[in-house]
Each structure stands twice: as C-alpha cells, then as structure tokens.
C-alpha cells in the first residue's frame, strides 16, 4: 500500500491503536514497526537514504518524506513521452510529445520482416524524440535536482537515458519506476502523488492463514 507523506503520522497512530505499542527500527532505506500483537509495518524510505534522527520516535521518516524536493520526471512509453521538473508538487518546467509506433502485429498485407523493420525504426525515432525532450527540459536544471524519477516502460526509458547528453542525469535516478498510462500532461501532473508516497508492506499477525492447497 501507499500513504501520502502528510497522512503518515495519522496512519502510524491508527496502526498502533489497532495492533498495540510499536517497537521501531530505523535504517537508511526502511523503517520497520513491530506492534505488540506481532503485526509488522515496513515503511520504505522515499528518496533514500534516511539519516536517522535519534530524537524522533520513527527515525525522522515523516519529516524526510514530507520534505520539498526538486525532482525531474521522465515518462516514456512507445509513442509518447512527458518530461517535467517539480518543486515540491508544483510543476515548473515541462514538455510533452508523441511519435507514432505501430503495434507488434503486421496488418494490411505487409510482410512480417518489412513490418518489423519499420516498427524498429519507429522505436528508435520515438526514443530519440524523448531524449531530445529530456535534454531540453532537464539539463538546465540538472545541477539543482535532488532526484530524477522515471515512469512507463522500463526498457524504453532506459533507452532514452542511454543518450550521451543525459549522462549527468543517470546518477540522480531514484526508485520506484512509476506505473503510469500513456504520458500526457495530466498524467505528468499526477507524478508527485506517486513518487512522494511512502510504500508500506504489511504483515498482519491477526490475519487468517491461507487455505491449504489442494
């Protein structure tokens, strides 16, 4: 599950109310909360590493997650791309584009080999167009970015980042890869809600065991 940073304190209070007093272990990439009844909530740190605050019960993850950051976003699926820079949740620079890429199946009497060659060429053109946009939008900001978040198809986005102009962007890339539909302006504008969220893995000690197989 995912929880907005601004709701995290309330979520933790509710988890403790349901499951009992929490023991907390903080680390650079995760904060683990073990409740009195044995239930566990593992909070993945967004934009690691977390510098643990020994004076904070939860190691400082709430303040860390709520901090405003300047983040570049590159979204790419074959046929469309969107690139932006956010300050906090405010979009301060962006550009969206598209290139036609046919589906994987030949149609209309084309030979399979001819169709495959044509599609491969379209993929190269689409990736090049996305790299052009990423360079135009991100490079003026690259020295001021805290992180870069990717979204769409992992292989396609990796092809975009292979562009030599974006070598300074690659070390800034942070997980997770955003699972978003075809990139459009409105899709780009939704990105902060996803990359700022704290991902939580729950193990509920009171949950019924799975049914026996067979």
N, C-alpha and C. Protein backbone atom coordinates (compact mmCIF):
# COMPACT_ATOMS: atom_id res chain seq x y z
N UNK A 1 0.84 -1.18 0.00
CA UNK A 1 0.00 0.00 0.00
C UNK A 1 0.88 1.25 0.00
N UNK A 2 0.27 2.38 -0.31
CA UNK A 2 0.98 3.65 -0.35
C UNK A 2 0.23 4.69 0.48
N UNK A 3 0.99 5.52 1.18
CA UNK A 3 0.40 6.55 2.03
C UNK A 3 1.06 7.88 1.71
N UNK A 4 0.25 8.91 1.53
CA UNK A 4 0.79 10.25 1.31
C UNK A 4 1.61 10.68 2.52
N UNK A 5 2.72 11.38 2.31
CA UNK A 5 3.56 11.79 3.45
C UNK A 5 2.80 12.56 4.52
N UNK A 6 1.89 13.42 4.09
CA UNK A 6 1.15 14.24 5.04
C UNK A 6 0.18 13.42 5.88
N UNK A 7 -0.13 12.21 5.47
CA UNK A 7 -1.04 11.34 6.22
C UNK A 7 -0.29 10.28 7.03
N UNK A 8 1.04 10.26 6.92
CA UNK A 8 1.79 9.16 7.50
C UNK A 8 1.69 9.12 9.03
N UNK A 9 1.79 10.27 9.68
CA UNK A 9 1.70 10.28 11.15
C UNK A 9 0.36 9.73 11.61
N UNK A 10 -0.72 10.12 10.95
CA UNK A 10 -2.04 9.63 11.32
C UNK A 10 -2.15 8.13 11.05
N UNK A 11 -1.56 7.68 9.94
CA UNK A 11 -1.62 6.25 9.62
C UNK A 11 -0.89 5.44 10.70
N UNK A 12 0.28 5.90 11.11
CA UNK A 12 1.04 5.19 12.14
C UNK A 12 0.30 5.15 13.47
N UNK A 13 -0.36 6.27 13.80
CA UNK A 13 -1.14 6.30 15.04
C UNK A 13 -2.28 5.29 14.97
N UNK A 14 -2.93 5.19 13.83
CA UNK A 14 -4.01 4.23 13.66
C UNK A 14 -3.50 2.79 13.71
N UNK A 15 -2.34 2.54 13.11
CA UNK A 15 -1.76 1.19 13.15
C UNK A 15 -1.47 0.78 14.59
N UNK A 16 -0.92 1.72 15.38
CA UNK A 16 -0.63 1.42 16.78
C UNK A 16 -1.91 1.22 17.59
N UNK A 17 -2.94 2.00 17.31
CA UNK A 17 -4.19 1.86 18.03
C UNK A 17 -4.82 0.48 17.77
N UNK A 18 -4.64 -0.02 16.56
CA UNK A 18 -5.24 -1.32 16.20
C UNK A 18 -4.42 -2.50 16.71
N UNK A 19 -3.10 -2.34 16.77
CA UNK A 19 -2.25 -3.50 16.99
C UNK A 19 -1.39 -3.43 18.25
N UNK A 20 -1.41 -2.32 18.95
CA UNK A 20 -0.64 -2.24 20.19
C UNK A 20 0.66 -1.47 20.02
N UNK A 21 1.32 -1.24 21.13
CA UNK A 21 2.52 -0.40 21.16
C UNK A 21 3.56 -0.88 20.15
N UNK A 22 4.21 0.11 19.52
CA UNK A 22 5.15 -0.19 18.44
C UNK A 22 6.59 -0.15 18.91
N UNK A 23 7.35 -1.13 18.46
CA UNK A 23 8.81 -1.06 18.51
C UNK A 23 9.30 -0.66 17.14
N UNK A 24 10.25 0.26 17.07
CA UNK A 24 10.65 0.85 15.80
C UNK A 24 12.14 0.65 15.58
N UNK A 25 12.48 0.18 14.37
CA UNK A 25 13.88 0.07 13.96
C UNK A 25 14.06 0.86 12.67
N UNK A 26 14.95 1.86 12.71
CA UNK A 26 15.16 2.74 11.57
C UNK A 26 16.44 2.38 10.84
N UNK A 27 16.39 2.43 9.51
CA UNK A 27 17.57 2.19 8.69
C UNK A 27 17.60 3.16 7.53
N UNK A 28 18.61 3.11 6.70
CA UNK A 28 18.75 4.08 5.61
C UNK A 28 17.69 3.95 4.52
N UNK A 29 17.13 2.75 4.35
CA UNK A 29 16.15 2.55 3.28
C UNK A 29 14.78 2.10 3.79
N UNK A 30 14.65 1.78 5.07
CA UNK A 30 13.36 1.31 5.59
C UNK A 30 13.27 1.58 7.08
N UNK A 31 12.03 1.79 7.53
CA UNK A 31 11.72 1.89 8.95
C UNK A 31 10.71 0.79 9.25
N UNK A 32 11.06 -0.09 10.18
CA UNK A 32 10.21 -1.24 10.49
C UNK A 32 9.56 -1.04 11.85
N UNK A 33 8.23 -1.16 11.86
CA UNK A 33 7.44 -1.01 13.09
C UNK A 33 6.83 -2.36 13.44
N UNK A 34 7.17 -2.87 14.62
CA UNK A 34 6.64 -4.16 15.09
C UNK A 34 5.69 -3.89 16.25
N UNK A 35 4.42 -4.27 16.08
CA UNK A 35 3.40 -4.00 17.08
C UNK A 35 3.39 -5.09 18.16
N UNK A 36 2.71 -4.77 19.27
CA UNK A 36 2.64 -5.69 20.40
C UNK A 36 2.01 -7.02 20.01
N UNK A 37 1.08 -7.01 19.05
CA UNK A 37 0.43 -8.26 18.66
C UNK A 37 1.21 -9.03 17.59
N UNK A 38 2.40 -8.53 17.22
CA UNK A 38 3.23 -9.20 16.22
C UNK A 38 3.06 -8.69 14.81
N UNK A 39 2.11 -7.81 14.58
CA UNK A 39 1.95 -7.23 13.24
C UNK A 39 3.13 -6.33 12.91
N UNK A 40 3.48 -6.30 11.64
CA UNK A 40 4.65 -5.56 11.18
C UNK A 40 4.27 -4.63 10.04
N UNK A 41 4.78 -3.41 10.11
CA UNK A 41 4.65 -2.46 9.00
C UNK A 41 6.06 -2.02 8.62
N UNK A 42 6.45 -2.33 7.39
CA UNK A 42 7.77 -1.93 6.89
C UNK A 42 7.56 -0.74 5.96
N UNK A 43 8.09 0.40 6.35
CA UNK A 43 7.95 1.64 5.59
C UNK A 43 9.20 1.83 4.74
N UNK A 44 9.04 1.83 3.44
CA UNK A 44 10.16 2.07 2.54
C UNK A 44 10.43 3.57 2.47
N UNK A 45 11.68 3.95 2.61
CA UNK A 45 12.06 5.36 2.63
C UNK A 45 12.03 5.92 1.22
N UNK A 46 11.21 6.94 0.96
CA UNK A 46 11.28 7.58 -0.36
C UNK A 46 12.56 8.41 -0.45
N UNK A 47 13.17 8.41 -1.61
CA UNK A 47 14.41 9.17 -1.82
C UNK A 47 15.45 8.86 -0.74
N UNK A 48 15.84 7.57 -0.61
CA UNK A 48 16.86 7.24 0.37
C UNK A 48 18.19 7.92 -0.01
N UNK A 49 19.05 8.11 1.00
CA UNK A 49 18.99 7.41 2.27
C UNK A 49 18.38 8.30 3.35
N UNK A 50 17.77 7.64 4.35
CA UNK A 50 17.27 8.33 5.52
C UNK A 50 18.39 8.48 6.54
N UNK A 51 18.69 9.72 6.91
CA UNK A 51 19.62 9.98 8.00
C UNK A 51 18.80 9.93 9.29
N UNK A 52 18.97 8.87 10.05
CA UNK A 52 18.12 8.62 11.21
C UNK A 52 18.24 9.73 12.25
N UNK A 53 17.09 10.19 12.69
CA UNK A 53 17.01 11.19 13.77
C UNK A 53 16.78 10.45 15.08
N UNK A 54 17.78 10.33 15.94
CA UNK A 54 17.61 9.56 17.17
C UNK A 54 16.60 10.17 18.14
N UNK A 55 16.28 11.44 17.95
CA UNK A 55 15.31 12.08 18.83
C UNK A 55 13.88 11.93 18.37
N UNK A 56 13.68 11.28 17.20
CA UNK A 56 12.33 11.11 16.66
C UNK A 56 11.93 9.64 16.79
N UNK A 57 10.74 9.40 17.24
CA UNK A 57 10.30 8.04 17.50
C UNK A 57 10.39 7.15 16.27
N UNK A 58 10.09 7.73 15.09
CA UNK A 58 10.10 6.96 13.85
C UNK A 58 11.34 7.24 13.00
N UNK A 59 12.38 7.71 13.66
CA UNK A 59 13.66 7.88 12.99
C UNK A 59 13.74 9.07 12.05
N UNK A 60 12.67 9.88 12.01
CA UNK A 60 12.67 11.04 11.13
C UNK A 60 12.07 10.81 9.76
N UNK A 61 11.46 9.63 9.55
CA UNK A 61 10.94 9.33 8.22
C UNK A 61 9.79 10.26 7.82
N UNK A 62 9.00 10.72 8.77
CA UNK A 62 7.87 11.59 8.43
C UNK A 62 8.38 12.91 7.88
N UNK A 63 9.32 13.53 8.57
CA UNK A 63 9.89 14.79 8.08
C UNK A 63 10.62 14.58 6.77
N UNK A 64 11.34 13.46 6.64
CA UNK A 64 12.06 13.14 5.41
C UNK A 64 11.09 13.02 4.23
N UNK A 65 10.00 12.31 4.44
CA UNK A 65 9.03 12.10 3.36
C UNK A 65 8.31 13.39 2.99
N UNK A 66 8.07 14.26 3.96
CA UNK A 66 7.33 15.50 3.70
C UNK A 66 8.19 16.61 3.12
N UNK A 67 9.51 16.43 3.12
CA UNK A 67 10.40 17.49 2.64
C UNK A 67 10.13 17.81 1.18
N UNK A 68 10.17 19.10 0.84
CA UNK A 68 10.05 19.51 -0.56
C UNK A 68 11.36 19.24 -1.28
N UNK A 69 11.26 18.68 -2.46
CA UNK A 69 12.44 18.39 -3.28
C UNK A 69 12.22 18.89 -4.69
N UNK A 70 13.32 19.13 -5.36
CA UNK A 70 13.26 19.47 -6.78
C UNK A 70 13.54 18.19 -7.56
N UNK A 71 12.53 17.70 -8.27
CA UNK A 71 12.58 16.37 -8.87
C UNK A 71 12.29 16.46 -10.37
N UNK A 72 13.15 15.84 -11.15
CA UNK A 72 12.88 15.67 -12.57
C UNK A 72 12.11 14.39 -12.82
N UNK A 73 11.23 14.41 -13.79
CA UNK A 73 10.41 13.24 -14.12
C UNK A 73 10.51 12.98 -15.62
N UNK A 74 10.80 11.73 -15.98
CA UNK A 74 10.83 11.31 -17.38
C UNK A 74 9.86 10.14 -17.54
N UNK A 75 8.81 10.35 -18.31
CA UNK A 75 7.82 9.31 -18.59
C UNK A 75 7.91 8.95 -20.07
N UNK A 76 7.98 7.66 -20.37
CA UNK A 76 8.10 7.26 -21.77
C UNK A 76 7.48 5.90 -21.98
N UNK A 77 6.56 5.86 -22.88
CA UNK A 77 6.06 4.62 -23.47
C UNK A 77 6.12 4.81 -24.97
N UNK A 78 6.27 3.72 -25.71
CA UNK A 78 6.43 3.85 -27.15
C UNK A 78 5.25 4.61 -27.75
N UNK A 79 5.56 5.71 -28.35
CA UNK A 79 4.52 6.55 -28.93
C UNK A 79 4.30 7.84 -28.19
N UNK A 80 4.75 7.94 -26.93
CA UNK A 80 4.52 9.16 -26.17
C UNK A 80 5.54 9.37 -25.08
N UNK A 81 5.81 10.63 -24.76
CA UNK A 81 6.74 10.93 -23.67
C UNK A 81 6.33 12.24 -23.01
N UNK A 82 6.73 12.38 -21.76
CA UNK A 82 6.47 13.60 -21.00
C UNK A 82 7.62 13.78 -20.02
N UNK A 83 8.13 15.00 -19.94
CA UNK A 83 9.26 15.30 -19.08
C UNK A 83 8.92 16.57 -18.30
N UNK A 84 9.24 16.58 -17.01
CA UNK A 84 8.94 17.75 -16.20
C UNK A 84 9.91 17.91 -15.05
N UNK A 85 9.88 19.08 -14.46
CA UNK A 85 10.62 19.38 -13.25
C UNK A 85 9.62 19.90 -12.22
N UNK A 86 9.64 19.32 -11.03
CA UNK A 86 8.73 19.71 -9.96
C UNK A 86 9.53 20.31 -8.81
N UNK A 87 9.01 21.37 -8.25
CA UNK A 87 9.49 21.90 -6.97
C UNK A 87 8.39 21.60 -5.96
N UNK A 88 8.65 20.65 -5.06
CA UNK A 88 7.56 20.14 -4.24
C UNK A 88 6.57 19.44 -5.17
N UNK A 89 5.33 19.87 -5.14
CA UNK A 89 4.32 19.31 -6.04
C UNK A 89 3.99 20.26 -7.19
N UNK A 90 4.77 21.33 -7.32
CA UNK A 90 4.49 22.35 -8.34
C UNK A 90 5.33 22.09 -9.58
N UNK A 91 4.67 21.96 -10.72
CA UNK A 91 5.35 21.74 -11.98
C UNK A 91 5.90 23.07 -12.50
N UNK A 92 7.23 23.15 -12.64
CA UNK A 92 7.85 24.42 -13.02
C UNK A 92 8.42 24.39 -14.43
N UNK A 93 8.56 23.22 -15.03
CA UNK A 93 9.01 23.12 -16.42
C UNK A 93 8.51 21.80 -16.97
N UNK A 94 8.08 21.79 -18.23
CA UNK A 94 7.58 20.53 -18.79
C UNK A 94 7.49 20.61 -20.31
N UNK A 95 7.48 19.43 -20.90
CA UNK A 95 7.24 19.31 -22.34
C UNK A 95 6.73 17.90 -22.60
N UNK A 96 5.75 17.80 -23.47
CA UNK A 96 5.11 16.52 -23.81
C UNK A 96 5.15 16.35 -25.32
N UNK A 97 5.38 15.12 -25.78
CA UNK A 97 5.42 14.88 -27.22
C UNK A 97 5.01 13.46 -27.54
N UNK A 98 4.89 13.16 -28.83
CA UNK A 98 4.49 11.82 -29.25
C UNK A 98 5.09 11.50 -30.61
N UNK A 99 5.30 10.24 -30.86
CA UNK A 99 5.73 9.72 -32.15
C UNK A 99 4.97 8.43 -32.41
N UNK A 100 4.59 8.20 -33.64
CA UNK A 100 3.82 7.01 -33.97
C UNK A 100 4.70 5.78 -33.94
N UNK A 101 4.23 4.74 -33.21
CA UNK A 101 4.87 3.44 -33.21
C UNK A 101 3.78 2.40 -33.42
N UNK A 102 3.88 1.64 -34.48
CA UNK A 102 2.86 0.63 -34.76
C UNK A 102 2.93 -0.51 -33.75
N UNK A 103 1.82 -1.25 -33.65
CA UNK A 103 1.79 -2.42 -32.80
C UNK A 103 2.70 -3.51 -33.30
N UNK A 104 2.73 -4.62 -32.57
CA UNK A 104 3.69 -5.68 -32.87
C UNK A 104 3.24 -6.61 -33.99
N UNK A 105 1.99 -6.55 -34.42
CA UNK A 105 1.48 -7.49 -35.42
C UNK A 105 1.37 -6.82 -36.77
N UNK A 106 1.82 -7.49 -37.79
CA UNK A 106 1.70 -6.96 -39.14
C UNK A 106 0.24 -6.96 -39.55
N UNK A 107 -0.12 -6.02 -40.43
CA UNK A 107 -1.50 -5.93 -40.89
C UNK A 107 -1.51 -5.37 -42.30
N UNK A 108 -2.63 -5.58 -43.02
CA UNK A 108 -2.80 -4.95 -44.32
C UNK A 108 -1.90 -5.52 -45.40
N UNK A 109 -1.47 -6.79 -45.26
CA UNK A 109 -0.70 -7.40 -46.32
C UNK A 109 0.80 -7.16 -46.25
N UNK A 110 1.27 -6.46 -45.24
CA UNK A 110 2.71 -6.24 -45.10
C UNK A 110 3.40 -7.58 -44.80
N UNK A 111 4.61 -7.76 -45.32
CA UNK A 111 5.39 -8.91 -44.89
C UNK A 111 5.84 -8.68 -43.44
N UNK A 112 5.99 -9.78 -42.70
CA UNK A 112 6.37 -9.65 -41.30
C UNK A 112 7.73 -8.98 -41.15
N UNK A 113 8.67 -9.32 -41.98
CA UNK A 113 10.01 -8.74 -41.86
C UNK A 113 9.99 -7.25 -42.18
N UNK A 114 9.28 -6.87 -43.21
CA UNK A 114 9.21 -5.45 -43.55
C UNK A 114 8.53 -4.66 -42.44
N UNK A 115 7.47 -5.24 -41.88
CA UNK A 115 6.77 -4.58 -40.78
C UNK A 115 7.69 -4.42 -39.57
N UNK A 116 8.44 -5.49 -39.25
CA UNK A 116 9.33 -5.44 -38.09
C UNK A 116 10.40 -4.37 -38.26
N UNK A 117 10.95 -4.26 -39.48
CA UNK A 117 11.97 -3.24 -39.72
C UNK A 117 11.39 -1.84 -39.57
N UNK A 118 10.19 -1.66 -40.09
CA UNK A 118 9.55 -0.35 -40.00
C UNK A 118 9.28 0.01 -38.53
N UNK A 119 8.78 -0.96 -37.76
CA UNK A 119 8.49 -0.69 -36.36
C UNK A 119 9.76 -0.39 -35.59
N UNK A 120 10.83 -1.15 -35.86
CA UNK A 120 12.09 -0.91 -35.16
C UNK A 120 12.59 0.51 -35.44
N UNK A 121 12.43 0.97 -36.65
CA UNK A 121 12.82 2.33 -36.97
C UNK A 121 11.97 3.35 -36.22
N UNK A 122 10.69 3.08 -36.08
CA UNK A 122 9.81 3.98 -35.35
C UNK A 122 10.19 4.03 -33.86
N UNK A 123 10.59 2.88 -33.30
CA UNK A 123 11.01 2.84 -31.90
C UNK A 123 12.24 3.72 -31.69
N UNK A 124 13.20 3.63 -32.60
CA UNK A 124 14.41 4.44 -32.49
C UNK A 124 14.07 5.93 -32.56
N UNK A 125 13.19 6.30 -33.49
CA UNK A 125 12.79 7.70 -33.64
C UNK A 125 12.07 8.18 -32.38
N UNK A 126 11.19 7.34 -31.83
CA UNK A 126 10.45 7.74 -30.62
C UNK A 126 11.39 7.93 -29.44
N UNK A 127 12.36 7.04 -29.28
CA UNK A 127 13.31 7.17 -28.18
C UNK A 127 14.18 8.41 -28.35
N UNK A 128 14.57 8.69 -29.58
CA UNK A 128 15.39 9.88 -29.84
C UNK A 128 14.61 11.15 -29.53
N UNK A 129 13.32 11.16 -29.90
CA UNK A 129 12.49 12.34 -29.61
C UNK A 129 12.34 12.53 -28.11
N UNK A 130 12.15 11.42 -27.37
CA UNK A 130 12.04 11.52 -25.91
C UNK A 130 13.35 12.01 -25.30
N UNK A 131 14.49 11.55 -25.83
CA UNK A 131 15.78 12.01 -25.32
C UNK A 131 15.98 13.50 -25.61
N UNK A 132 15.56 13.95 -26.78
CA UNK A 132 15.64 15.38 -27.10
C UNK A 132 14.86 16.20 -26.07
N UNK A 133 13.65 15.73 -25.75
CA UNK A 133 12.81 16.46 -24.79
C UNK A 133 13.43 16.42 -23.40
N UNK A 134 13.93 15.25 -23.00
CA UNK A 134 14.54 15.14 -21.67
C UNK A 134 15.75 16.07 -21.56
N UNK A 135 16.56 16.13 -22.60
CA UNK A 135 17.72 17.01 -22.57
C UNK A 135 17.29 18.48 -22.50
N UNK A 136 16.28 18.84 -23.28
CA UNK A 136 15.84 20.23 -23.30
C UNK A 136 15.26 20.67 -21.96
N UNK A 137 14.52 19.79 -21.30
CA UNK A 137 13.84 20.16 -20.06
C UNK A 137 14.76 20.01 -18.84
N UNK A 138 15.53 18.90 -18.77
CA UNK A 138 16.26 18.59 -17.54
C UNK A 138 17.64 19.24 -17.46
N UNK A 139 18.34 19.34 -18.57
CA UNK A 139 19.72 19.80 -18.48
C UNK A 139 19.88 21.20 -17.88
N UNK A 140 18.96 22.14 -18.15
CA UNK A 140 19.11 23.43 -17.47
C UNK A 140 18.97 23.35 -15.95
N UNK A 141 18.38 22.26 -15.46
CA UNK A 141 18.12 22.11 -14.03
C UNK A 141 19.03 21.08 -13.36
N UNK A 142 19.82 20.34 -14.13
CA UNK A 142 20.42 19.11 -13.61
C UNK A 142 21.28 19.36 -12.37
N UNK A 143 21.95 20.48 -12.28
CA UNK A 143 22.78 20.75 -11.10
C UNK A 143 21.97 21.13 -9.87
N UNK A 144 20.67 21.34 -10.06
CA UNK A 144 19.82 21.74 -8.94
C UNK A 144 18.79 20.68 -8.57
N UNK A 145 18.81 19.54 -9.25
CA UNK A 145 17.84 18.48 -8.98
C UNK A 145 18.29 17.63 -7.80
N UNK A 146 17.32 17.26 -6.97
CA UNK A 146 17.58 16.31 -5.89
C UNK A 146 17.49 14.87 -6.38
N UNK A 147 16.66 14.63 -7.39
CA UNK A 147 16.47 13.27 -7.89
C UNK A 147 15.76 13.35 -9.24
N UNK A 148 15.80 12.22 -9.94
CA UNK A 148 15.04 12.05 -11.18
C UNK A 148 14.25 10.76 -11.06
N UNK A 149 12.97 10.83 -11.37
CA UNK A 149 12.08 9.68 -11.29
C UNK A 149 11.64 9.31 -12.71
N UNK A 150 11.60 8.01 -12.98
CA UNK A 150 11.23 7.50 -14.29
C UNK A 150 9.85 6.84 -14.23
N UNK A 151 9.19 6.79 -15.37
CA UNK A 151 7.90 6.13 -15.43
C UNK A 151 7.63 5.60 -16.81
N UNK A 152 6.77 4.57 -16.87
CA UNK A 152 6.41 3.96 -18.14
C UNK A 152 7.04 2.60 -18.29
N UNK A 153 7.56 2.31 -19.47
CA UNK A 153 8.19 1.03 -19.76
C UNK A 153 9.67 1.10 -19.40
N UNK A 154 10.12 0.20 -18.53
CA UNK A 154 11.49 0.29 -18.02
C UNK A 154 12.52 0.22 -19.14
N UNK A 155 12.36 -0.71 -20.07
CA UNK A 155 13.32 -0.84 -21.16
C UNK A 155 13.33 0.38 -22.06
N UNK A 156 12.16 0.93 -22.33
CA UNK A 156 12.08 2.09 -23.20
C UNK A 156 12.71 3.31 -22.54
N UNK A 157 12.46 3.50 -21.24
CA UNK A 157 13.06 4.64 -20.53
C UNK A 157 14.57 4.48 -20.45
N UNK A 158 15.05 3.25 -20.25
CA UNK A 158 16.49 3.02 -20.21
C UNK A 158 17.14 3.41 -21.53
N UNK A 159 16.45 3.15 -22.64
CA UNK A 159 16.97 3.53 -23.95
C UNK A 159 17.09 5.04 -24.07
N UNK A 160 16.14 5.76 -23.50
CA UNK A 160 16.19 7.23 -23.52
C UNK A 160 17.40 7.72 -22.74
N UNK A 161 17.62 7.16 -21.54
CA UNK A 161 18.71 7.62 -20.68
C UNK A 161 20.09 7.25 -21.21
N UNK A 162 20.15 6.34 -22.19
CA UNK A 162 21.43 6.00 -22.80
C UNK A 162 21.96 7.11 -23.68
N UNK A 163 21.15 8.10 -23.97
CA UNK A 163 21.62 9.23 -24.78
C UNK A 163 22.80 9.90 -24.06
N UNK A 164 23.92 10.12 -24.75
CA UNK A 164 25.10 10.70 -24.09
C UNK A 164 24.84 12.04 -23.40
N UNK A 165 23.89 12.81 -23.92
CA UNK A 165 23.60 14.11 -23.31
C UNK A 165 23.06 13.97 -21.90
N UNK A 166 22.50 12.79 -21.56
CA UNK A 166 21.83 12.61 -20.28
C UNK A 166 22.70 11.88 -19.26
N UNK A 167 24.00 11.79 -19.52
CA UNK A 167 24.88 11.07 -18.58
C UNK A 167 24.87 11.72 -17.19
N UNK A 168 24.68 13.03 -17.12
CA UNK A 168 24.62 13.69 -15.82
C UNK A 168 23.31 13.45 -15.09
N UNK A 169 22.31 12.97 -15.79
CA UNK A 169 21.00 12.67 -15.20
C UNK A 169 21.00 11.30 -14.54
N UNK A 170 21.72 10.35 -15.12
CA UNK A 170 21.63 8.95 -14.68
C UNK A 170 21.93 8.75 -13.20
N UNK A 171 22.95 9.39 -12.62
CA UNK A 171 23.21 9.15 -11.19
C UNK A 171 22.10 9.65 -10.27
N UNK A 172 21.20 10.47 -10.79
CA UNK A 172 20.14 11.04 -9.97
C UNK A 172 18.89 10.16 -9.93
N UNK A 173 18.85 9.12 -10.74
CA UNK A 173 17.64 8.30 -10.87
C UNK A 173 17.33 7.60 -9.56
N UNK A 174 16.07 7.71 -9.12
CA UNK A 174 15.60 7.09 -7.88
C UNK A 174 14.42 6.18 -8.17
N UNK A 175 14.33 5.09 -7.43
CA UNK A 175 13.17 4.20 -7.50
C UNK A 175 12.02 4.81 -6.71
N UNK A 176 10.78 4.37 -6.96
CA UNK A 176 10.41 3.30 -7.86
C UNK A 176 10.13 3.80 -9.27
N UNK A 177 10.09 2.88 -10.22
CA UNK A 177 9.60 3.18 -11.55
C UNK A 177 8.09 3.39 -11.46
N UNK A 178 7.61 4.53 -11.94
CA UNK A 178 6.19 4.83 -11.83
C UNK A 178 5.39 4.07 -12.88
N UNK A 179 4.32 3.43 -12.43
CA UNK A 179 3.42 2.71 -13.32
C UNK A 179 2.31 3.67 -13.73
N UNK A 180 2.44 4.25 -14.91
CA UNK A 180 1.50 5.27 -15.37
C UNK A 180 1.03 4.94 -16.78
N UNK A 181 -0.13 5.42 -17.16
CA UNK A 181 -0.61 5.20 -18.53
C UNK A 181 0.18 6.04 -19.53
N UNK A 182 -0.24 6.03 -20.79
CA UNK A 182 0.48 6.78 -21.82
C UNK A 182 0.71 8.21 -21.39
N UNK A 183 1.94 8.69 -21.50
CA UNK A 183 2.27 10.02 -20.98
C UNK A 183 1.49 11.14 -21.66
N UNK A 184 0.84 11.93 -20.85
CA UNK A 184 0.15 13.14 -21.27
C UNK A 184 0.43 14.20 -20.21
N UNK A 185 0.06 15.42 -20.46
CA UNK A 185 0.30 16.48 -19.49
C UNK A 185 -0.38 16.17 -18.16
N UNK A 186 -1.63 15.74 -18.21
CA UNK A 186 -2.35 15.47 -16.97
C UNK A 186 -1.75 14.28 -16.23
N UNK A 187 -1.19 13.32 -16.96
CA UNK A 187 -0.53 12.18 -16.33
C UNK A 187 0.75 12.64 -15.64
N UNK A 188 1.51 13.50 -16.32
CA UNK A 188 2.72 14.06 -15.72
C UNK A 188 2.40 14.80 -14.44
N UNK A 189 1.34 15.55 -14.43
CA UNK A 189 0.98 16.35 -13.25
C UNK A 189 0.63 15.49 -12.05
N UNK A 190 0.28 14.22 -12.28
CA UNK A 190 -0.06 13.31 -11.18
C UNK A 190 1.18 12.64 -10.57
N UNK A 191 2.33 12.80 -11.20
CA UNK A 191 3.52 12.05 -10.77
C UNK A 191 3.91 12.29 -9.32
N UNK A 192 3.90 13.52 -8.79
CA UNK A 192 4.32 13.70 -7.39
C UNK A 192 3.52 12.88 -6.40
N UNK A 193 2.25 12.70 -6.66
CA UNK A 193 1.42 11.90 -5.74
C UNK A 193 1.97 10.49 -5.61
N UNK A 194 2.58 9.98 -6.68
CA UNK A 194 3.11 8.62 -6.66
C UNK A 194 4.52 8.57 -6.10
N UNK A 195 5.40 9.46 -6.56
CA UNK A 195 6.79 9.31 -6.12
C UNK A 195 7.02 9.85 -4.71
N UNK A 196 6.14 10.68 -4.19
CA UNK A 196 6.28 11.15 -2.81
C UNK A 196 5.68 10.17 -1.80
N UNK A 197 4.85 9.25 -2.26
CA UNK A 197 4.15 8.34 -1.35
C UNK A 197 5.13 7.41 -0.65
N UNK A 198 4.80 7.06 0.59
CA UNK A 198 5.57 6.09 1.36
C UNK A 198 4.94 4.72 1.13
N UNK A 199 5.72 3.82 0.57
CA UNK A 199 5.23 2.46 0.34
C UNK A 199 5.37 1.64 1.63
N UNK A 200 4.30 0.94 1.97
CA UNK A 200 4.26 0.19 3.23
C UNK A 200 3.92 -1.27 2.94
N UNK A 201 4.75 -2.14 3.48
CA UNK A 201 4.48 -3.59 3.39
C UNK A 201 3.98 -4.05 4.74
N UNK A 202 2.79 -4.65 4.75
CA UNK A 202 2.14 -5.05 5.99
C UNK A 202 2.17 -6.56 6.17
N UNK A 203 2.44 -6.96 7.41
CA UNK A 203 2.29 -8.36 7.81
C UNK A 203 1.42 -8.36 9.05
N UNK A 204 0.15 -8.74 8.88
CA UNK A 204 -0.83 -8.67 9.96
C UNK A 204 -0.85 -9.99 10.71
N UNK A 205 -0.44 -9.94 11.96
CA UNK A 205 -0.40 -11.17 12.76
C UNK A 205 -1.78 -11.73 13.00
N UNK A 206 -2.82 -10.90 12.87
CA UNK A 206 -4.17 -11.36 13.14
C UNK A 206 -4.89 -11.83 11.88
N UNK A 207 -4.21 -11.74 10.75
CA UNK A 207 -4.85 -12.19 9.50
C UNK A 207 -4.99 -13.71 9.50
N UNK A 208 -6.10 -14.24 8.96
CA UNK A 208 -6.27 -15.70 8.92
C UNK A 208 -5.23 -16.32 8.02
N UNK A 209 -4.78 -17.55 8.34
CA UNK A 209 -3.81 -18.22 7.48
C UNK A 209 -4.41 -18.54 6.13
N UNK A 210 -3.58 -18.66 5.08
CA UNK A 210 -4.11 -19.01 3.76
C UNK A 210 -4.70 -20.40 3.77
N UNK A 211 -5.70 -20.66 2.93
CA UNK A 211 -6.31 -22.01 2.90
C UNK A 211 -5.30 -23.03 2.41
N UNK A 212 -5.43 -24.28 2.86
CA UNK A 212 -4.50 -25.31 2.42
C UNK A 212 -4.63 -25.55 0.93
N UNK A 213 -3.51 -25.82 0.27
CA UNK A 213 -3.55 -26.09 -1.16
C UNK A 213 -4.07 -27.50 -1.40
N UNK A 214 -4.64 -27.63 -2.59
CA UNK A 214 -5.15 -28.95 -2.97
C UNK A 214 -6.50 -29.21 -2.42
